[in-house]
PDB file of N, CA and C in Angstrom:
ATOM      1  N   MET A   1     156.175 183.812  72.204  1.00  0.00           N
ATOM      2  CA  MET A   1     155.661 184.198  70.948  1.00  0.00           C
ATOM      3  C   MET A   1     156.478 183.872  69.931  1.00  0.00           C
ATOM      4  N   VAL A   2     157.462 184.549  69.880  1.00  0.00           N
ATOM      5  CA  VAL A   2     158.200 184.232  68.579  1.00  0.00           C
ATOM      6  C   VAL A   2     159.177 183.292  69.212  1.00  0.00           C
ATOM      7  N   ASP A   3     159.686 182.029  68.526  1.00  0.00           N
ATOM      8  CA  ASP A   3     160.469 181.274  68.940  1.00  0.00           C
ATOM      9  C   ASP A   3     161.639 181.116  67.863  1.00  0.00           C
ATOM     10  N   THR A   4     162.844 181.104  68.537  1.00  0.00           N
ATOM     11  CA  THR A   4     164.382 181.185  67.484  1.00  0.00           C
ATOM     12  C   THR A   4     164.361 179.588  67.154  1.00  0.00           C
ATOM     13  N   GLN A   5     164.028 178.869  68.010  1.00  0.00           N
ATOM     14  CA  GLN A   5     164.371 177.539  67.811  1.00  0.00           C
ATOM     15  C   GLN A   5     163.333 176.532  66.719  1.00  0.00           C
ATOM     16  N   ASN A   6     162.336 177.400  66.094  1.00  0.00           N
ATOM     17  CA  ASN A   6     161.406 176.958  65.470  1.00  0.00           C
ATOM     18  C   ASN A   6     161.605 176.847  64.019  1.00  0.00           C
ATOM     19  N   LYS A   7     161.068 176.020  63.022  1.00  0.00           N
ATOM     20  CA  LYS A   7     161.576 175.736  61.880  1.00  0.00           C
ATOM     21  C   LYS A   7     161.308 177.005  60.990  1.00  0.00           C
ATOM     22  N   LEU A   8     160.220 177.664  61.230  1.00  0.00           N
ATOM     23  CA  LEU A   8     159.632 179.078  60.384  1.00  0.00           C
ATOM     24  C   LEU A   8     160.767 179.818  60.744  1.00  0.00           C
ATOM     25  N   SER A   9     161.140 181.070  59.934  1.00  0.00           N
ATOM     26  CA  SER A   9     162.225 181.932  60.244  1.00  0.00           C
ATOM     27  C   SER A   9     161.094 183.121  60.822  1.00  0.00           C
ATOM     28  N   ILE A  10     162.307 183.757  61.465  1.00  0.00           N
ATOM     29  CA  ILE A  10     161.780 185.036  62.474  1.00  0.00           C
ATOM     30  C   ILE A  10     160.929 185.642  61.665  1.00  0.00           C
ATOM     31  N   VAL A  11     161.312 186.057  60.320  1.00  0.00           N
ATOM     32  CA  VAL A  11     160.560 187.017  59.484  1.00  0.00           C
ATOM     33  C   VAL A  11     159.158 186.531  59.156  1.00  0.00           C
ATOM     34  N   LYS A  12     158.828 185.195  58.982  1.00  0.00           N
ATOM     35  CA  LYS A  12     157.838 184.460  58.622  1.00  0.00           C
ATOM     36  C   LYS A  12     156.810 184.615  60.216  1.00  0.00           C
ATOM     37  N   GLN A  13     157.508 184.354  61.088  1.00  0.00           N
ATOM     38  CA  GLN A  13     156.559 184.254  62.486  1.00  0.00           C
ATOM     39  C   GLN A  13     156.032 185.605  62.719  1.00  0.00           C
ATOM     40  N   CYS A  14     156.945 186.470  62.544  1.00  0.00           N
ATOM     41  CA  CYS A  14     156.707 188.062  62.671  1.00  0.00           C
ATOM     42  C   CYS A  14     155.410 188.415  61.503  1.00  0.00           C
ATOM     43  N   ARG A  15     155.512 188.059  60.763  1.00  0.00           N
ATOM     44  CA  ARG A  15     154.174 188.274  59.700  1.00  0.00           C
ATOM     45  C   ARG A  15     152.959 187.539  60.180  1.00  0.00           C
ATOM     46  N   LEU A  16     153.382 186.205  60.591  1.00  0.00           N
ATOM     47  CA  LEU A  16     152.099 185.641  60.947  1.00  0.00           C
ATOM     48  C   LEU A  16     151.302 186.346  62.415  1.00  0.00           C
ATOM     49  N   LEU A  17     152.295 186.882  63.171  1.00  0.00           N
ATOM     50  CA  LEU A  17     151.821 187.632  64.264  1.00  0.00           C
ATOM     51  C   LEU A  17     151.300 188.943  64.121  1.00  0.00           C
ATOM     52  N   GLU A  18     151.825 189.523  62.812  1.00  0.00           N
ATOM     53  CA  GLU A  18     151.643 190.893  62.513  1.00  0.00           C
ATOM     54  C   GLU A  18     152.396 191.924  63.501  1.00  0.00           C
ATOM     55  N   ILE A  19     153.466 191.685  63.669  1.00  0.00           N
ATOM     56  CA  ILE A  19     154.374 192.525  64.537  1.00  0.00           C
ATOM     57  C   ILE A  19     155.283 192.897  63.632  1.00  0.00           C
ATOM     58  N   HIS A  20     156.233 193.822  63.705  1.00  0.00           N
ATOM     59  CA  HIS A  20     157.602 194.064  62.958  1.00  0.00           C
ATOM     60  C   HIS A  20     158.337 193.787  63.954  1.00  0.00           C
ATOM     61  N   ARG A  21     159.758 193.337  63.243  1.00  0.00           N
ATOM     62  CA  ARG A  21     160.857 192.867  63.863  1.00  0.00           C
ATOM     63  C   ARG A  21     161.608 193.572  64.528  1.00  0.00           C
ATOM     64  N   GLY A  22     161.538 194.749  64.187  1.00  0.00           N
ATOM     65  CA  GLY A  22     162.185 195.874  65.186  1.00  0.00           C
ATOM     66  C   GLY A  22     161.688 196.113  66.747  1.00  0.00           C
ATOM     67  N   GLY A  23     160.432 195.771  66.722  1.00  0.00           N
ATOM     68  CA  GLY A  23     159.762 195.747  67.824  1.00  0.00           C
ATOM     69  C   GLY A  23     160.162 194.497  68.774  1.00  0.00           C
ATOM     70  N   LEU A  24     160.618 193.411  68.217  1.00  0.00           N
ATOM     71  CA  LEU A  24     160.710 192.248  68.639  1.00  0.00           C
ATOM     72  C   LEU A  24     162.240 192.277  69.146  1.00  0.00           C
ATOM     73  N   TYR A  25     162.992 193.079  69.063  1.00  0.00           N
ATOM     74  CA  TYR A  25     164.344 192.939  69.492  1.00  0.00           C
ATOM     75  C   TYR A  25     164.336 194.375  70.427  1.00  0.00           C
ATOM     76  N   TYR A  26     163.298 195.085  70.547  1.00  0.00           N
ATOM     77  CA  TYR A  26     163.512 196.645  71.463  1.00  0.00           C
ATOM     78  C   TYR A  26     163.338 196.025  72.781  1.00  0.00           C
ATOM     79  N   LYS A  27     164.257 196.737  73.548  1.00  0.00           N
ATOM     80  CA  LYS A  27     164.339 196.339  74.977  1.00  0.00           C
ATOM     81  C   LYS A  27     164.321 198.140  75.464  1.00  0.00           C
ATOM     82  N   ALA A  28     163.057 198.366  76.530  1.00  0.00           N
ATOM     83  CA  ALA A  28     162.718 199.579  76.713  1.00  0.00           C
ATOM     84  C   ALA A  28     163.687 199.904  77.858  1.00  0.00           C
ATOM     85  N   LYS A  29     164.323 201.037  77.918  1.00  0.00           N
ATOM     86  CA  LYS A  29     165.445 201.721  79.093  1.00  0.00           C
ATOM     87  C   LYS A  29     164.254 201.899  80.247  1.00  0.00           C
ATOM     88  N   GLN A  30     165.278 201.754  81.125  1.00  0.00           N
ATOM     89  CA  GLN A  30     164.580 202.059  82.744  1.00  0.00           C
ATOM     90  C   GLN A  30     164.810 203.576  83.040  1.00  0.00           C
ATOM     91  N   GLU A  31     164.278 204.220  83.489  1.00  0.00           N
ATOM     92  CA  GLU A  31     164.296 205.677  83.923  1.00  0.00           C
ATOM     93  C   GLU A  31     165.560 206.025  84.814  1.00  0.00           C
ATOM     94  N   SER A  32     166.422 206.971  84.655  1.00  0.00           N
ATOM     95  CA  SER A  32     167.500 207.075  85.255  1.00  0.00           C
ATOM     96  C   SER A  32     167.151 207.532  86.881  1.00  0.00           C
ATOM     97  N   LEU A  33     168.166 207.333  87.621  1.00  0.00           N
ATOM     98  CA  LEU A  33     168.131 207.545  89.038  1.00  0.00           C
ATOM     99  C   LEU A  33     167.703 209.284  89.440  1.00  0.00           C
ATOM    100  N   GLU A  34     168.229 209.794  88.329  1.00  0.00           N
ATOM    101  CA  GLU A  34     167.711 211.439  88.610  1.00  0.00           C
ATOM    102  C   GLU A  34     166.082 211.508  88.233  1.00  0.00           C
ATOM    103  N   ASN A  35     165.846 210.911  87.272  1.00  0.00           N
ATOM    104  CA  ASN A  35     164.158 210.981  86.934  1.00  0.00           C
ATOM    105  C   ASN A  35     163.374 210.262  88.229  1.00  0.00           C
ATOM    106  N   LEU A  36     163.968 209.071  88.479  1.00  0.00           N
ATOM    107  CA  LEU A  36     163.145 208.373  89.926  1.00  0.00           C
ATOM    108  C   LEU A  36     163.356 209.253  90.980  1.00  0.00           C
ATOM    109  N   LYS A  37     164.360 210.035  91.473  1.00  0.00           N
ATOM    110  CA  LYS A  37     164.056 211.103  92.310  1.00  0.00           C
ATOM    111  C   LYS A  37     163.110 212.008  91.999  1.00  0.00           C
ATOM    112  N   ILE A  38     163.215 212.893  90.865  1.00  0.00           N
ATOM    113  CA  ILE A  38     162.340 213.821  90.447  1.00  0.00           C
ATOM    114  C   ILE A  38     160.849 213.371  90.792  1.00  0.00           C
ATOM    115  N   MET A  39     160.575 211.994  89.937  1.00  0.00           N
ATOM    116  CA  MET A  39     159.266 211.541  90.342  1.00  0.00           C
ATOM    117  C   MET A  39     158.864 211.336  91.775  1.00  0.00           C
ATOM    118  N   GLN A  40     159.690 211.088  92.568  1.00  0.00           N
ATOM    119  CA  GLN A  40     159.661 210.748  94.161  1.00  0.00           C
ATOM    120  C   GLN A  40     159.184 212.436  94.740  1.00  0.00           C
ATOM    121  N   LEU A  41     159.878 213.462  94.471  1.00  0.00           N
ATOM    122  CA  LEU A  41     159.524 214.765  94.551  1.00  0.00           C
ATOM    123  C   LEU A  41     158.297 215.115  94.279  1.00  0.00           C
ATOM    124  N   LEU A  42     157.962 214.973  93.116  1.00  0.00           N
ATOM    125  CA  LEU A  42     156.672 215.026  92.455  1.00  0.00           C
ATOM    126  C   LEU A  42     155.525 214.484  93.461  1.00  0.00           C
ATOM    127  N   ASP A  43     155.832 213.319  93.450  1.00  0.00           N
ATOM    128  CA  ASP A  43     154.795 212.791  94.206  1.00  0.00           C
ATOM    129  C   ASP A  43     154.330 213.272  95.572  1.00  0.00           C
ATOM    130  N   GLN A  44     155.600 213.433  96.055  1.00  0.00           N
ATOM    131  CA  GLN A  44     155.326 214.160  97.573  1.00  0.00           C
ATOM    132  C   GLN A  44     154.887 215.709  97.782  1.00  0.00           C
ATOM    133  N   GLN A  45     155.135 216.241  96.560  1.00  0.00           N
ATOM    134  CA  GLN A  45     154.728 217.767  96.233  1.00  0.00           C
ATOM    135  C   GLN A  45     153.304 217.545  95.980  1.00  0.00           C
ATOM    136  N   TYR A  46     152.651 216.553  95.554  1.00  0.00           N
ATOM    137  CA  TYR A  46     151.285 216.821  94.905  1.00  0.00           C
ATOM    138  C   TYR A  46     150.108 216.594  96.184  1.00  0.00           C
ATOM    139  N   PHE A  47     150.514 215.964  97.192  1.00  0.00           N
ATOM    140  CA  PHE A  47     149.800 216.145  98.395  1.00  0.00           C
ATOM    141  C   PHE A  47     150.051 217.713  99.026  1.00  0.00           C
ATOM    142  N   ASN A  48     151.022 218.346  98.792  1.00  0.00           N
ATOM    143  CA  ASN A  48     150.821 219.771  99.262  1.00  0.00           C
ATOM    144  C   ASN A  48     150.141 220.596  98.248  1.00  0.00           C
ATOM    145  N   THR A  49     150.542 220.542  96.981  1.00  0.00           N
ATOM    146  CA  THR A  49     149.828 221.702  95.977  1.00  0.00           C
ATOM    147  C   THR A  49     149.484 221.023  94.812  1.00  0.00           C
ATOM    148  N   PRO A  50     148.104 220.292  94.695  1.00  0.00           N
ATOM    149  CA  PRO A  50     147.740 219.457  93.766  1.00  0.00           C
ATOM    150  C   PRO A  50     147.444 220.405  92.688  1.00  0.00           C
ATOM    151  N   PHE A  51     147.055 221.941  92.967  1.00  0.00           N
ATOM    152  CA  PHE A  51     146.675 222.793  91.528  1.00  0.00           C
ATOM    153  C   PHE A  51     148.175 223.101  91.161  1.00  0.00           C
ATOM    154  N   TYR A  52     149.298 222.877  91.145  1.00  0.00           N
ATOM    155  CA  TYR A  52     150.543 223.251  90.186  1.00  0.00           C
ATOM    156  C   TYR A  52     150.289 222.424  88.860  1.00  0.00           C
ATOM    157  N   GLY A  53     150.503 223.001  88.039  1.00  0.00           N
ATOM    158  CA  GLY A  53     150.883 222.720  86.673  1.00  0.00           C
ATOM    159  C   GLY A  53     152.401 222.246  86.545  1.00  0.00           C
ATOM    160  N   CYS A  54     152.664 222.103  85.040  1.00  0.00           N
ATOM    161  CA  CYS A  54     153.944 221.592  84.906  1.00  0.00           C
ATOM    162  C   CYS A  54     154.669 222.899  84.980  1.00  0.00           C
ATOM    163  N   ARG A  55     154.357 224.100  84.543  1.00  0.00           N
ATOM    164  CA  ARG A  55     155.317 225.216  84.452  1.00  0.00           C
ATOM    165  C   ARG A  55     155.630 225.703  85.896  1.00  0.00           C
ATOM    166  N   LYS A  56     154.756 225.612  86.811  1.00  0.00           N
ATOM    167  CA  LYS A  56     155.171 225.835  88.006  1.00  0.00           C
ATOM    168  C   LYS A  56     155.908 224.761  88.886  1.00  0.00           C
ATOM    169  N   LEU A  57     156.024 223.853  88.432  1.00  0.00           N
ATOM    170  CA  LEU A  57     156.628 222.399  89.075  1.00  0.00           C
ATOM    171  C   LEU A  57     158.015 222.581  88.390  1.00  0.00           C
ATOM    172  N   THR A  58     158.019 223.000  87.190  1.00  0.00           N
ATOM    173  CA  THR A  58     159.504 223.184  86.511  1.00  0.00           C
ATOM    174  C   THR A  58     160.312 224.136  87.203  1.00  0.00           C
ATOM    175  N   PHE A  59     159.749 225.477  87.705  1.00  0.00           N
ATOM    176  CA  PHE A  59     160.543 226.290  88.371  1.00  0.00           C
ATOM    177  C   PHE A  59     160.755 225.948  89.590  1.00  0.00           C
ATOM    178  N   TRP A  60     159.774 225.153  90.255  1.00  0.00           N
ATOM    179  CA  TRP A  60     159.977 224.530  91.513  1.00  0.00           C
ATOM    180  C   TRP A  60     161.219 223.661  91.636  1.00  0.00           C
ATOM    181  N   LEU A  61     161.555 222.884  90.650  1.00  0.00           N
ATOM    182  CA  LEU A  61     162.484 221.769  90.403  1.00  0.00           C
ATOM    183  C   LEU A  61     163.888 222.475  90.216  1.00  0.00           C
ATOM    184  N   LYS A  62     163.768 223.519  89.466  1.00  0.00           N
ATOM    185  CA  LYS A  62     164.709 224.272  89.113  1.00  0.00           C
ATOM    186  C   LYS A  62     165.574 225.058  90.536  1.00  0.00           C
ATOM    187  N   ASP A  63     164.492 225.478  91.204  1.00  0.00           N
ATOM    188  CA  ASP A  63     165.077 226.111  92.433  1.00  0.00           C
ATOM    189  C   ASP A  63     165.520 225.038  93.386  1.00  0.00           C
ATOM    190  N   LEU A  64     165.271 223.685  93.254  1.00  0.00           N
ATOM    191  CA  LEU A  64     166.129 222.701  94.086  1.00  0.00           C
ATOM    192  C   LEU A  64     167.165 222.200  93.647  1.00  0.00           C
ATOM    193  N   GLY A  65     167.502 222.752  92.256  1.00  0.00           N
ATOM    194  CA  GLY A  65     168.774 222.560  91.640  1.00  0.00           C
ATOM    195  C   GLY A  65     168.798 221.285  90.367  1.00  0.00           C
ATOM    196  N   PHE A  66     167.953 221.080  90.111  1.00  0.00           N
ATOM    197  CA  PHE A  66     167.434 220.033  89.117  1.00  0.00           C
ATOM    198  C   PHE A  66     167.586 220.709  87.565  1.00  0.00           C
ATOM    199  N   LYS A  67     168.382 220.283  86.703  1.00  0.00           N
ATOM    200  CA  LYS A  67     168.115 220.801  85.349  1.00  0.00           C
ATOM    201  C   LYS A  67     166.879 220.102  84.617  1.00  0.00           C
ATOM    202  N   VAL A  68     165.875 220.654  84.482  1.00  0.00           N
ATOM    203  CA  VAL A  68     164.674 220.422  84.001  1.00  0.00           C
ATOM    204  C   VAL A  68     164.287 221.204  82.674  1.00  0.00           C
ATOM    205  N   ASN A  69     163.208 220.826  81.987  1.00  0.00           N
ATOM    206  CA  ASN A  69     162.678 221.667  81.557  1.00  0.00           C
ATOM    207  C   ASN A  69     161.158 221.209  81.286  1.00  0.00           C
ATOM    208  N   ARG A  70     160.060 222.013  80.618  1.00  0.00           N
ATOM    209  CA  ARG A  70     158.790 221.666  80.782  1.00  0.00           C
ATOM    210  C   ARG A  70     158.173 220.375  80.359  1.00  0.00           C
ATOM    211  N   LYS A  71     158.847 220.273  79.128  1.00  0.00           N
ATOM    212  CA  LYS A  71     158.611 218.621  78.443  1.00  0.00           C
ATOM    213  C   LYS A  71     159.132 217.526  79.428  1.00  0.00           C
ATOM    214  N   ARG A  72     160.149 217.844  80.015  1.00  0.00           N
ATOM    215  CA  ARG A  72     160.645 216.522  80.791  1.00  0.00           C
ATOM    216  C   ARG A  72     159.808 216.585  82.095  1.00  0.00           C
ATOM    217  N   VAL A  73     159.403 217.609  82.737  1.00  0.00           N
ATOM    218  CA  VAL A  73     158.569 217.570  83.718  1.00  0.00           C
ATOM    219  C   VAL A  73     157.287 216.920  83.421  1.00  0.00           C
ATOM    220  N   LYS A  74     156.427 217.374  82.222  1.00  0.00           N
ATOM    221  CA  LYS A  74     155.112 217.125  81.658  1.00  0.00           C
ATOM    222  C   LYS A  74     155.218 215.391  81.561  1.00  0.00           C
ATOM    223  N   ARG A  75     156.132 215.054  81.236  1.00  0.00           N
ATOM    224  CA  ARG A  75     156.533 213.356  80.609  1.00  0.00           C
ATOM    225  C   ARG A  75     156.708 212.836  81.941  1.00  0.00           C
ATOM    226  N   LEU A  76     157.107 213.112  83.088  1.00  0.00           N
ATOM    227  CA  LEU A  76     157.381 212.749  84.522  1.00  0.00           C
ATOM    228  C   LEU A  76     155.767 212.723  85.173  1.00  0.00           C
ATOM    229  N   MET A  77     154.994 213.740  84.803  1.00  0.00           N
ATOM    230  CA  MET A  77     153.962 213.862  85.557  1.00  0.00           C
ATOM    231  C   MET A  77     153.041 213.021  84.947  1.00  0.00           C
ATOM    232  N   GLN A  78     152.971 212.649  83.464  1.00  0.00           N
ATOM    233  CA  GLN A  78     152.012 211.533  83.102  1.00  0.00           C
ATOM    234  C   GLN A  78     152.406 210.161  83.690  1.00  0.00           C
ATOM    235  N   ILE A  79     153.726 209.919  83.846  1.00  0.00           N
ATOM    236  CA  ILE A  79     154.223 208.825  84.380  1.00  0.00           C
ATOM    237  C   ILE A  79     153.493 208.366  85.738  1.00  0.00           C
ATOM    238  N   ILE A  80     153.394 209.212  86.677  1.00  0.00           N
ATOM    239  CA  ILE A  80     153.213 209.128  87.917  1.00  0.00           C
ATOM    240  C   ILE A  80     151.805 209.466  87.937  1.00  0.00           C
ATOM    241  N   ASN A  81     151.028 209.981  86.634  1.00  0.00           N
ATOM    242  CA  ASN A  81     149.438 210.260  86.749  1.00  0.00           C
ATOM    243  C   ASN A  81     149.221 211.338  87.573  1.00  0.00           C
ATOM    244  N   TRP A  82     149.767 212.365  87.479  1.00  0.00           N
ATOM    245  CA  TRP A  82     149.721 213.797  88.388  1.00  0.00           C
ATOM    246  C   TRP A  82     148.149 214.171  87.509  1.00  0.00           C
ATOM    247  N   GLN A  83     147.331 214.542  88.178  1.00  0.00           N
ATOM    248  CA  GLN A  83     146.051 215.044  87.841  1.00  0.00           C
ATOM    249  C   GLN A  83     145.640 216.666  88.264  1.00  0.00           C
ATOM    250  N   THR A  84     146.418 217.620  87.621  1.00  0.00           N
ATOM    251  CA  THR A  84     146.011 218.914  88.003  1.00  0.00           C
ATOM    252  C   THR A  84     144.697 219.200  88.432  1.00  0.00           C
ATOM    253  N   ILE A  85     144.672 219.756  89.408  1.00  0.00           N
ATOM    254  CA  ILE A  85     143.273 220.340  90.160  1.00  0.00           C
ATOM    255  C   ILE A  85     142.876 221.785  89.996  1.00  0.00           C
ATOM    256  N   TYR A  86     142.263 221.974  88.996  1.00  0.00           N
ATOM    257  CA  TYR A  86     142.017 223.688  88.631  1.00  0.00           C
ATOM    258  C   TYR A  86     140.334 223.698  88.536  1.00  0.00           C
ATOM    259  N   ARG A  87     140.200 224.810  88.387  1.00  0.00           N
ATOM    260  CA  ARG A  87     138.925 225.382  88.408  1.00  0.00           C
ATOM    261  C   ARG A  87     138.344 225.370  86.956  1.00  0.00           C
ATOM    262  N   GLU A  88     137.319 224.739  86.658  1.00  0.00           N
ATOM    263  CA  GLU A  88     136.965 224.854  85.328  1.00  0.00           C
ATOM    264  C   GLU A  88     136.103 226.332  84.814  1.00  0.00           C
ATOM    265  N   PRO A  89     136.569 226.730  83.721  1.00  0.00           N
ATOM    266  CA  PRO A  89     135.959 228.241  83.088  1.00  0.00           C
ATOM    267  C   PRO A  89     134.585 227.795  83.199  1.00  0.00           C
ATOM    268  N   THR A  90     133.795 229.204  83.482  1.00  0.00           N
ATOM    269  CA  THR A  90     132.303 229.312  83.256  1.00  0.00           C
ATOM    270  C   THR A  90     132.106 230.102  82.309  1.00  0.00           C
ATOM    271  N   THR A  91     131.738 229.422  81.024  1.00  0.00           N
ATOM    272  CA  THR A  91     131.720 230.131  79.690  1.00  0.00           C
ATOM    273  C   THR A  91     130.299 230.490  79.425  1.00  0.00           C
ATOM    274  N   THR A  92     129.532 229.823  79.997  1.00  0.00           N
ATOM    275  CA  THR A  92     127.942 229.846  79.784  1.00  0.00           C
ATOM    276  C   THR A  92     127.336 230.360  81.142  1.00  0.00           C
ATOM    277  N   VAL A  93     126.690 231.425  81.060  1.00  0.00           N
ATOM    278  CA  VAL A  93     126.030 231.889  82.140  1.00  0.00           C
ATOM    279  C   VAL A  93     124.611 232.336  81.981  1.00  0.00           C
ATOM    280  N   TYR A  94     123.529 231.595  82.361  1.00  0.00           N
ATOM    281  CA  TYR A  94     122.218 231.802  82.149  1.00  0.00           C
ATOM    282  C   TYR A  94     121.534 232.991  82.900  1.00  0.00           C
ATOM    283  N   ALA A  95     120.897 233.734  81.889  1.00  0.00           N
ATOM    284  CA  ALA A  95     120.380 234.864  82.575  1.00  0.00           C
ATOM    285  C   ALA A  95     119.064 234.760  82.722  1.00  0.00           C
ATOM    286  N   VAL A  96     118.223 235.189  83.738  1.00  0.00           N
ATOM    287  CA  VAL A  96     116.815 234.968  83.578  1.00  0.00           C
ATOM    288  C   VAL A  96     116.163 235.900  82.634  1.00  0.00           C
ATOM    289  N   PRO A  97     115.273 235.280  81.907  1.00  0.00           N
ATOM    290  CA  PRO A  97     114.366 236.229  80.886  1.00  0.00           C
ATOM    291  C   PRO A  97     113.824 237.143  81.400  1.00  0.00           C
ATOM    292  N   ILE A  98     113.904 238.367  80.855  1.00  0.00           N
ATOM    293  CA  ILE A  98     113.192 239.608  81.436  1.00  0.00           C
ATOM    294  C   ILE A  98     111.564 239.520  81.636  1.00  0.00           C
ATOM    295  N   PHE A  99     111.072 238.817  80.291  1.00  0.00           N
ATOM    296  CA  PHE A  99     109.548 238.762  80.256  1.00  0.00           C
ATOM    297  C   PHE A  99     108.724 238.050  81.524  1.00  0.00           C
ATOM    298  N   GLN A 100     109.604 237.203  82.148  1.00  0.00           N
ATOM    299  CA  GLN A 100     109.056 236.140  83.395  1.00  0.00           C
ATOM    300  C   GLN A 100     108.951 237.192  84.381  1.00  0.00           C
ATOM    301  N   THR A 101     110.083 237.705  84.478  1.00  0.00           N
ATOM    302  CA  THR A 101     110.002 238.448  86.041  1.00  0.00           C
ATOM    303  C   THR A 101     108.983 239.890  85.469  1.00  0.00           C
ATOM    304  N   GLU A 102     108.771 240.380  84.552  1.00  0.00           N
ATOM    305  CA  GLU A 102     107.889 241.417  84.568  1.00  0.00           C
ATOM    306  C   GLU A 102     106.247 240.691  84.429  1.00  0.00           C
ATOM    307  N   ILE A 103     106.049 239.543  84.251  1.00  0.00           N
ATOM    308  CA  ILE A 103     104.774 238.875  84.448  1.00  0.00           C
ATOM    309  C   ILE A 103     104.483 238.713  85.638  1.00  0.00           C
ATOM    310  N   SER A 104     105.526 237.943  86.212  1.00  0.00           N
ATOM    311  CA  SER A 104     105.005 237.763  87.681  1.00  0.00           C
ATOM    312  C   SER A 104     104.776 238.915  88.554  1.00  0.00           C
ATOM    313  N   THR A 105     105.346 240.163  88.144  1.00  0.00           N
ATOM    314  CA  THR A 105     104.919 241.472  88.950  1.00  0.00           C
ATOM    315  C   THR A 105     103.707 241.850  88.784  1.00  0.00           C
ATOM    316  N   ILE A 106     103.124 241.674  87.546  1.00  0.00           N
ATOM    317  CA  ILE A 106     101.944 241.928  87.248  1.00  0.00           C
ATOM    318  C   ILE A 106     100.830 241.430  87.958  1.00  0.00           C
TER     319      ILE A 106
END
């Protein structure tokens, strides 16, 4: 994309490509070994208890000796694409109208 050997300056090349220069030099950090170990444990735990949420997993990881908080666990769950299985609320319950049952009995 951006060529440092080009006659155009880097600023002009970034303007033409509509990207900011800070993003040009940014190198993403890799996950730490501890985070990789936690993600491996989360992946194994998903097959045992797919209904656990981030709070319960945080307590589980603390019991194993990791120093984690809920935000970190939630971020790692998103990375491994953890989809918690839970029962959806039944907010609408349809009742049988009274007049139909009275008419059928007459």
